[in-house]
Every structure is written in C-alpha cells, then in structure tokens.
C-alpha cells in the first residue's frame, strides 16, 4: 500500500505530457511515404495507376520530431531534402540520396559534420543553428555552392572562413555572405550555362539506363 504514493511527485512535473507526446521518430521509408512519397513505397497498381504519378524530387519532413535518419532504399530521384527543425543528432545514411542537390538540416542537434562525402552533387547545405563545435572542412562535399553554418560554435574557429573557402573550390556563399573573387564565381561568370547543363546531364545520366531498361 505504501508504494501508491510514488506516482504523485512524478505527475506533478508538467513536462511528462510533452515527453509522452514526442518520443522521437526515425526517418524511414514509411514516414516518407506517409508524408510525401506513397508511390515510392507502394508498388504501382495495374490499370488504376497506369497514368503513373510523376516521381517527386522534393521531400519535406521539417518539424516532424525526427531524431535519427534510418537506412533507406536508394532514392535517386530525390534532389531536395528538408529536415530542418527536428531533433537529429547525427548526419548518417544519406548515401541513399546520391543525386541530392539541396539539404537542410537547420535547427537540429548535430554535433559534427560527417558522412556527406557520398553526396557528390550537393549544391546547397544548411546546417545553421546546430551544435557543431569544430569543423573538418574535408568532410564537406566539394560540389557545394552555398553553405550555412550560422549559429554553430565552429564559426568562431580561428581562420574558419579561409579554411572553408580554401577547401570548397566552387563555393559562392558562406553563412549568407558572398565569397569574393572565388574560383567558383569566375567559372560561373565565364560559362555558367554550360556548367549548369553539365550538372544536369550528370544528374540525369544515372537514371537513363535504368529507365531505358524498364
């Protein structure tokens, strides 16, 4: 009988309701299907779906209480991934988005930049307002044009800006500030249209043989 008084103090703390509501979610195919991509996970039906929906290239999963990125099937068609304002602590398992060009992980709990090397087409990376203490620029994809690390401790590292700009040859903007006289800028000025086309060809090339074979 004496034990019955124990729950009392626990109930008294009001955060319990919020904790019960938000245990934290892992990013999985089923979550993506629920929010964005039913056609990627469900096999297409016979006649009813003969129109075949357009493959989505953007996945929006911001503010979904996601705390981890699970292992996913390869999703080549995804070009933009919005994961801002979640509770993600680690950058992982993004190799399944090999053609990703835009990635927002702003407002999460990430402590280090890692596992981004497979994203060889990534142009825009938003890691603002995380918990990144120190930055190893070699972990960043060299394809980046725009990078935002505002609100992280690492921006106070000695020589931070020079280090990042020196590592990323095509970078045009860092923390909302344009890069002056960067290699990327000169290239873009000279033949921006042709380099864009090359990028588009690179992006579409991997899917070519697959679609042709179907």
C-alpha atoms as a PDB file:
ATOM      1  CA  UNK A   1       0.000   0.000   0.000  1.00  0.00           C
ATOM      2  CA  UNK A   2       2.861   2.381   0.766  1.00  0.00           C
ATOM      3  CA  UNK A   3       4.060   2.364  -2.853  1.00  0.00           C
ATOM      4  CA  UNK A   4       0.890   4.045  -4.101  1.00  0.00           C
ATOM      5  CA  UNK A   5       2.141   7.483  -3.149  1.00  0.00           C
ATOM      6  CA  UNK A   6       5.153   7.264  -5.549  1.00  0.00           C
ATOM      7  CA  UNK A   7       3.395   8.349  -8.756  1.00  0.00           C
ATOM      8  CA  UNK A   8       2.336  11.600  -7.047  1.00  0.00           C
ATOM      9  CA  UNK A   9       5.542  13.637  -7.421  1.00  0.00           C
ATOM     10  CA  UNK A  10       6.074  12.337 -10.965  1.00  0.00           C
ATOM     11  CA  UNK A  11       2.669  13.540 -12.126  1.00  0.00           C
ATOM     12  CA  UNK A  12       3.362  16.872 -10.543  1.00  0.00           C
ATOM     13  CA  UNK A  13       6.091  17.659 -13.140  1.00  0.00           C
ATOM     14  CA  UNK A  14       4.233  19.115 -16.112  1.00  0.00           C
ATOM     15  CA  UNK A  15       6.786  18.128 -18.833  1.00  0.00           C
ATOM     16  CA  UNK A  16       5.586  14.492 -18.711  1.00  0.00           C
ATOM     17  CA  UNK A  17       2.721  15.185 -21.117  1.00  0.00           C
ATOM     18  CA  UNK A  18       5.063  16.692 -23.666  1.00  0.00           C
ATOM     19  CA  UNK A  19       7.539  13.830 -23.278  1.00  0.00           C
ATOM     20  CA  UNK A  20       4.814  11.269 -23.851  1.00  0.00           C
ATOM     21  CA  UNK A  21       3.683  13.125 -26.951  1.00  0.00           C
ATOM     22  CA  UNK A  22       7.137  13.280 -28.529  1.00  0.00           C
ATOM     23  CA  UNK A  23       9.318  10.208 -28.018  1.00  0.00           C
ATOM     24  CA  UNK A  24      11.300  10.972 -31.220  1.00  0.00           C
ATOM     25  CA  UNK A  25      10.893   9.468 -34.667  1.00  0.00           C
ATOM     26  CA  UNK A  26      13.332   7.729 -37.021  1.00  0.00           C
ATOM     27  CA  UNK A  27      13.264   8.737 -40.670  1.00  0.00           C
ATOM     28  CA  UNK A  28      12.114   5.622 -42.541  1.00  0.00           C
ATOM     29  CA  UNK A  29      10.516   4.790 -45.886  1.00  0.00           C
ATOM     30  CA  UNK A  30       7.125   4.522 -44.214  1.00  0.00           C
ATOM     31  CA  UNK A  31       7.419   8.011 -42.725  1.00  0.00           C
ATOM     32  CA  UNK A  32       8.413   9.387 -46.118  1.00  0.00           C
ATOM     33  CA  UNK A  33       5.517   7.532 -47.692  1.00  0.00           C
ATOM     34  CA  UNK A  34       3.043   8.939 -45.197  1.00  0.00           C
ATOM     35  CA  UNK A  35       4.221  12.497 -45.717  1.00  0.00           C
ATOM     36  CA  UNK A  36       5.499  12.666 -49.284  1.00  0.00           C
ATOM     37  CA  UNK A  37       6.024   9.605 -51.401  1.00  0.00           C
ATOM     38  CA  UNK A  38       3.289   6.992 -51.496  1.00  0.00           C
ATOM     39  CA  UNK A  39       4.338   5.954 -54.991  1.00  0.00           C
ATOM     40  CA  UNK A  40       7.930   5.213 -53.965  1.00  0.00           C
ATOM     41  CA  UNK A  41       6.966   2.674 -51.362  1.00  0.00           C
ATOM     42  CA  UNK A  42       3.724   1.164 -52.643  1.00  0.00           C
ATOM     43  CA  UNK A  43       4.088  -0.903 -55.814  1.00  0.00           C
ATOM     44  CA  UNK A  44       2.101   0.826 -58.573  1.00  0.00           C
ATOM     45  CA  UNK A  45      -1.306  -0.738 -59.132  1.00  0.00           C
ATOM     46  CA  UNK A  46      -2.249  -2.285 -62.504  1.00  0.00           C
ATOM     47  CA  UNK A  47      -4.778  -0.342 -64.608  1.00  0.00           C
ATOM     48  CA  UNK A  48      -5.858   2.100 -61.903  1.00  0.00           C
ATOM     49  CA  UNK A  49      -2.415   3.688 -61.806  1.00  0.00           C
ATOM     50  CA  UNK A  50      -1.495   3.440 -65.460  1.00  0.00           C
ATOM     51  CA  UNK A  51      -1.011   7.229 -65.548  1.00  0.00           C
ATOM     52  CA  UNK A  52       1.999   6.658 -63.227  1.00  0.00           C
ATOM     53  CA  UNK A  53       2.476   9.691 -60.963  1.00  0.00           C
ATOM     54  CA  UNK A  54       5.462  11.929 -61.502  1.00  0.00           C
ATOM     55  CA  UNK A  55       8.367  10.946 -59.314  1.00  0.00           C
ATOM     56  CA  UNK A  56       8.706  13.580 -56.601  1.00  0.00           C
ATOM     57  CA  UNK A  57      12.100  15.238 -56.386  1.00  0.00           C
ATOM     58  CA  UNK A  58      11.472  17.103 -53.109  1.00  0.00           C
ATOM     59  CA  UNK A  59      10.907  15.575 -49.673  1.00  0.00           C
ATOM     60  CA  UNK A  60       9.665  17.864 -46.889  1.00  0.00           C
ATOM     61  CA  UNK A  61       9.968  16.417 -43.402  1.00  0.00           C
ATOM     62  CA  UNK A  62      10.610  19.527 -41.333  1.00  0.00           C
ATOM     63  CA  UNK A  63       9.192  19.738 -37.785  1.00  0.00           C
ATOM     64  CA  UNK A  64       8.373  16.011 -37.688  1.00  0.00           C
ATOM     65  CA  UNK A  65      10.158  15.261 -34.387  1.00  0.00           C
ATOM     66  CA  UNK A  66      12.727  13.123 -36.246  1.00  0.00           C
ATOM     67  CA  UNK A  67      15.689  12.171 -34.053  1.00  0.00           C
ATOM     68  CA  UNK A  68      17.571   9.815 -36.399  1.00  0.00           C
ATOM     69  CA  UNK A  69      17.949   9.044 -40.100  1.00  0.00           C
ATOM     70  CA  UNK A  70      17.400   5.338 -40.712  1.00  0.00           C
ATOM     71  CA  UNK A  71      18.846   3.200 -43.507  1.00  0.00           C
ATOM     72  CA  UNK A  72      16.725   3.727 -46.590  1.00  0.00           C
ATOM     73  CA  UNK A  73      16.493   2.238 -50.046  1.00  0.00           C
ATOM     74  CA  UNK A  74      18.319   4.146 -52.794  1.00  0.00           C
ATOM     75  CA  UNK A  75      16.223   7.148 -53.831  1.00  0.00           C
ATOM     76  CA  UNK A  76      17.986   8.559 -56.890  1.00  0.00           C
ATOM     77  CA  UNK A  77      15.136  10.831 -57.895  1.00  0.00           C
ATOM     78  CA  UNK A  78      15.247  12.973 -54.743  1.00  0.00           C
ATOM     79  CA  UNK A  79      17.036  16.288 -55.352  1.00  0.00           C
ATOM     80  CA  UNK A  80      15.874  18.313 -52.312  1.00  0.00           C
ATOM     81  CA  UNK A  81      15.511  17.155 -48.711  1.00  0.00           C
ATOM     82  CA  UNK A  82      14.088  19.407 -45.986  1.00  0.00           C
ATOM     83  CA  UNK A  83      14.811  18.105 -42.467  1.00  0.00           C
ATOM     84  CA  UNK A  84      15.031  21.379 -40.562  1.00  0.00           C
ATOM     85  CA  UNK A  85      13.642  21.886 -37.033  1.00  0.00           C
ATOM     86  CA  UNK A  86      13.869  18.245 -35.964  1.00  0.00           C
ATOM     87  CA  UNK A  87      15.967  16.548 -33.248  1.00  0.00           C
ATOM     88  CA  UNK A  88      18.548  14.838 -35.450  1.00  0.00           C
ATOM     89  CA  UNK A  89      21.850  14.313 -33.617  1.00  0.00           C
ATOM     90  CA  UNK A  90      23.938  12.643 -36.321  1.00  0.00           C
ATOM     91  CA  UNK A  91      24.361  13.008 -40.073  1.00  0.00           C
ATOM     92  CA  UNK A  92      24.119   9.439 -41.374  1.00  0.00           C
ATOM     93  CA  UNK A  93      22.581   7.179 -44.028  1.00  0.00           C
ATOM     94  CA  UNK A  94      22.311   9.935 -46.633  1.00  0.00           C
ATOM     95  CA  UNK A  95      24.148   7.886 -49.260  1.00  0.00           C
ATOM     96  CA  UNK A  96      20.735   6.637 -50.384  1.00  0.00           C
ATOM     97  CA  UNK A  97      20.140  10.101 -51.914  1.00  0.00           C
ATOM     98  CA  UNK A  98      23.055  10.074 -54.407  1.00  0.00           C
ATOM     99  CA  UNK A  99      21.618  12.891 -56.548  1.00  0.00           C
ATOM    100  CA  UNK A 100      20.748  15.249 -53.702  1.00  0.00           C
ATOM    101  CA  UNK A 101      21.392  18.897 -54.574  1.00  0.00           C
ATOM    102  CA  UNK A 102      19.716  20.684 -51.638  1.00  0.00           C
ATOM    103  CA  UNK A 103      19.846  19.571 -47.996  1.00  0.00           C
ATOM    104  CA  UNK A 104      18.523  21.485 -44.998  1.00  0.00           C
ATOM    105  CA  UNK A 105      19.378  20.189 -41.526  1.00  0.00           C
ATOM    106  CA  UNK A 106      18.998  23.575 -39.827  1.00  0.00           C
ATOM    107  CA  UNK A 107      17.808  23.720 -36.228  1.00  0.00           C
ATOM    108  CA  UNK A 108      18.728  20.169 -35.222  1.00  0.00           C
ATOM    109  CA  UNK A 109      21.169  18.777 -32.607  1.00  0.00           C
ATOM    110  CA  UNK A 110      24.046  17.822 -34.891  1.00  0.00           C
ATOM    111  CA  UNK A 111      27.476  17.967 -33.229  1.00  0.00           C
ATOM    112  CA  UNK A 112      29.784  17.163 -36.132  1.00  0.00           C
ATOM    113  CA  UNK A 113      29.866  17.307 -39.902  1.00  0.00           C
ATOM    114  CA  UNK A 114      30.317  13.782 -41.269  1.00  0.00           C
ATOM    115  CA  UNK A 115      29.045  11.221 -43.799  1.00  0.00           C
ATOM    116  CA  UNK A 116      28.350  13.812 -46.507  1.00  0.00           C
ATOM    117  CA  UNK A 117      31.009  12.652 -48.970  1.00  0.00           C
ATOM    118  CA  UNK A 118      28.633  10.365 -50.945  1.00  0.00           C
ATOM    119  CA  UNK A 119      26.572  13.459 -51.888  1.00  0.00           C
ATOM    120  CA  UNK A 120      28.719  14.400 -54.858  1.00  0.00           C
ATOM    121  CA  UNK A 121      26.087  16.648 -56.475  1.00  0.00           C
ATOM    122  CA  UNK A 122      25.144  18.601 -53.342  1.00  0.00           C
ATOM    123  CA  UNK A 123      24.987  22.345 -54.061  1.00  0.00           C
ATOM    124  CA  UNK A 124      23.224  23.811 -51.009  1.00  0.00           C
ATOM    125  CA  UNK A 125      23.802  22.683 -47.407  1.00  0.00           C
ATOM    126  CA  UNK A 126      22.096  24.406 -44.479  1.00  0.00           C
ATOM    127  CA  UNK A 127      23.473  23.313 -41.094  1.00  0.00           C
ATOM    128  CA  UNK A 128      22.676  26.559 -39.283  1.00  0.00           C
ATOM    129  CA  UNK A 129      21.701  26.527 -35.600  1.00  0.00           C
ATOM    130  CA  UNK A 130      23.059  23.121 -34.660  1.00  0.00           C
ATOM    131  CA  UNK A 131      25.685  22.192 -32.037  1.00  0.00           C
ATOM    132  CA  UNK A 132      28.773  21.853 -34.235  1.00  0.00           C
ATOM    133  CA  UNK A 133      31.807  22.742 -32.093  1.00  0.00           C
ATOM    134  CA  UNK A 134      34.625  22.178 -34.582  1.00  0.00           C
ATOM    135  CA  UNK A 135      34.525  21.736 -38.331  1.00  0.00           C
ATOM    136  CA  UNK A 136      36.618  19.455 -40.516  1.00  0.00           C
ATOM    137  CA  UNK A 137      36.141  21.031 -43.969  1.00  0.00           C
ATOM    138  CA  UNK A 138      37.340  17.821 -45.658  1.00  0.00           C
ATOM    139  CA  UNK A 139      34.021  16.262 -44.606  1.00  0.00           C
ATOM    140  CA  UNK A 140      32.131  18.690 -46.868  1.00  0.00           C
ATOM    141  CA  UNK A 141      31.304  17.748 -50.485  1.00  0.00           C
ATOM    142  CA  UNK A 142      33.483  19.783 -52.850  1.00  0.00           C
ATOM    143  CA  UNK A 143      30.464  20.396 -55.100  1.00  0.00           C
ATOM    144  CA  UNK A 144      28.937  22.873 -52.596  1.00  0.00           C
ATOM    145  CA  UNK A 145      27.950  26.322 -53.881  1.00  0.00           C
ATOM    146  CA  UNK A 146      26.171  27.555 -50.748  1.00  0.00           C
ATOM    147  CA  UNK A 147      26.901  26.602 -47.133  1.00  0.00           C
ATOM    148  CA  UNK A 148      25.311  27.952 -43.959  1.00  0.00           C
ATOM    149  CA  UNK A 149      26.763  27.169 -40.521  1.00  0.00           C
ATOM    150  CA  UNK A 150      25.404  30.262 -38.758  1.00  0.00           C
ATOM    151  CA  UNK A 151      24.689  29.738 -35.061  1.00  0.00           C
ATOM    152  CA  UNK A 152      27.306  26.991 -34.570  1.00  0.00           C
ATOM    153  CA  UNK A 153      30.386  27.266 -32.332  1.00  0.00           C
ATOM    154  CA  UNK A 154      32.624  26.204 -35.218  1.00  0.00           C
ATOM    155  CA  UNK A 155      32.135  29.582 -36.917  1.00  0.00           C
ATOM    156  CA  UNK A 156      34.392  31.060 -34.180  1.00  0.00           C
ATOM    157  CA  UNK A 157      37.249  28.686 -35.067  1.00  0.00           C
ATOM    158  CA  UNK A 158      40.480  30.521 -35.904  1.00  0.00           C
ATOM    159  CA  UNK A 159      40.668  31.005 -39.683  1.00  0.00           C
ATOM    160  CA  UNK A 160      37.269  29.307 -40.113  1.00  0.00           C
ATOM    161  CA  UNK A 161      36.182  31.214 -43.206  1.00  0.00           C
ATOM    162  CA  UNK A 162      39.535  30.929 -45.016  1.00  0.00           C
ATOM    163  CA  UNK A 163      39.647  27.212 -44.218  1.00  0.00           C
ATOM    164  CA  UNK A 164      36.190  26.531 -45.652  1.00  0.00           C
ATOM    165  CA  UNK A 165      36.687  28.697 -48.736  1.00  0.00           C
ATOM    166  CA  UNK A 166      40.083  27.084 -49.375  1.00  0.00           C
ATOM    167  CA  UNK A 167      38.565  23.600 -49.251  1.00  0.00           C
ATOM    168  CA  UNK A 168      35.476  24.225 -51.401  1.00  0.00           C
ATOM    169  CA  UNK A 169      36.552  25.487 -54.839  1.00  0.00           C
ATOM    170  CA  UNK A 170      33.029  26.224 -56.137  1.00  0.00           C
ATOM    171  CA  UNK A 171      31.623  27.926 -53.030  1.00  0.00           C
ATOM    172  CA  UNK A 172      29.745  31.146 -53.827  1.00  0.00           C
ATOM    173  CA  UNK A 173      28.223  31.922 -50.431  1.00  0.00           C
ATOM    174  CA  UNK A 174      29.153  31.083 -46.832  1.00  0.00           C
ATOM    175  CA  UNK A 175      26.879  31.960 -43.896  1.00  0.00           C
ATOM    176  CA  UNK A 176      24.820  34.318 -46.098  1.00  0.00           C
ATOM    177  CA  UNK A 177      27.981  36.231 -47.137  1.00  0.00           C
ATOM    178  CA  UNK A 178      29.139  36.074 -50.768  1.00  0.00           C
ATOM    179  CA  UNK A 179      32.630  34.747 -51.440  1.00  0.00           C
ATOM    180  CA  UNK A 180      34.624  37.490 -53.168  1.00  0.00           C
ATOM    181  CA  UNK A 181      36.821  36.508 -56.089  1.00  0.00           C
ATOM    182  CA  UNK A 182      36.283  32.784 -55.600  1.00  0.00           C
ATOM    183  CA  UNK A 183      37.196  30.281 -58.297  1.00  0.00           C
ATOM    184  CA  UNK A 184      33.571  29.254 -58.373  1.00  0.00           C
ATOM    185  CA  UNK A 185      32.477  32.799 -59.156  1.00  0.00           C
ATOM    186  CA  UNK A 186      34.908  33.133 -62.058  1.00  0.00           C
ATOM    187  CA  UNK A 187      33.830  29.805 -63.506  1.00  0.00           C
ATOM    188  CA  UNK A 188      30.173  30.678 -63.105  1.00  0.00           C
ATOM    189  CA  UNK A 189      30.658  34.036 -64.829  1.00  0.00           C
ATOM    190  CA  UNK A 190      32.531  32.554 -67.768  1.00  0.00           C
ATOM    191  CA  UNK A 191      30.280  29.660 -68.648  1.00  0.00           C
ATOM    192  CA  UNK A 192      27.572  29.332 -66.042  1.00  0.00           C
ATOM    193  CA  UNK A 193      25.025  27.966 -68.513  1.00  0.00           C
ATOM    194  CA  UNK A 194      27.283  25.222 -69.847  1.00  0.00           C
ATOM    195  CA  UNK A 195      28.407  24.140 -66.383  1.00  0.00           C
ATOM    196  CA  UNK A 196      24.764  24.023 -65.272  1.00  0.00           C
ATOM    197  CA  UNK A 197      23.933  21.854 -68.280  1.00  0.00           C
ATOM    198  CA  UNK A 198      26.803  19.545 -67.486  1.00  0.00           C
ATOM    199  CA  UNK A 199      25.499  19.212 -63.940  1.00  0.00           C
ATOM    200  CA  UNK A 200      22.028  18.413 -65.211  1.00  0.00           C
ATOM    201  CA  UNK A 201      23.452  15.805 -67.560  1.00  0.00           C
ATOM    202  CA  UNK A 202      25.445  14.299 -64.722  1.00  0.00           C
ATOM    203  CA  UNK A 203      22.325  14.170 -62.595  1.00  0.00           C
ATOM    204  CA  UNK A 204      20.104  12.618 -65.226  1.00  0.00           C
ATOM    205  CA  UNK A 205      22.709  10.231 -66.641  1.00  0.00           C
ATOM    206  CA  UNK A 206      22.493   7.550 -63.904  1.00  0.00           C
ATOM    207  CA  UNK A 207      18.742   7.167 -64.330  1.00  0.00           C
ATOM    208  CA  UNK A 208      18.963   6.951 -68.140  1.00  0.00           C
ATOM    209  CA  UNK A 209      19.964   3.297 -68.496  1.00  0.00           C
ATOM    210  CA  UNK A 210      17.506   2.231 -65.797  1.00  0.00           C
ATOM    211  CA  UNK A 211      14.502   3.890 -67.366  1.00  0.00           C
ATOM    212  CA  UNK A 212      15.502   2.614 -70.795  1.00  0.00           C
ATOM    213  CA  UNK A 213      15.693  -0.930 -69.481  1.00  0.00           C
ATOM    214  CA  UNK A 214      12.229  -0.917 -67.927  1.00  0.00           C
END
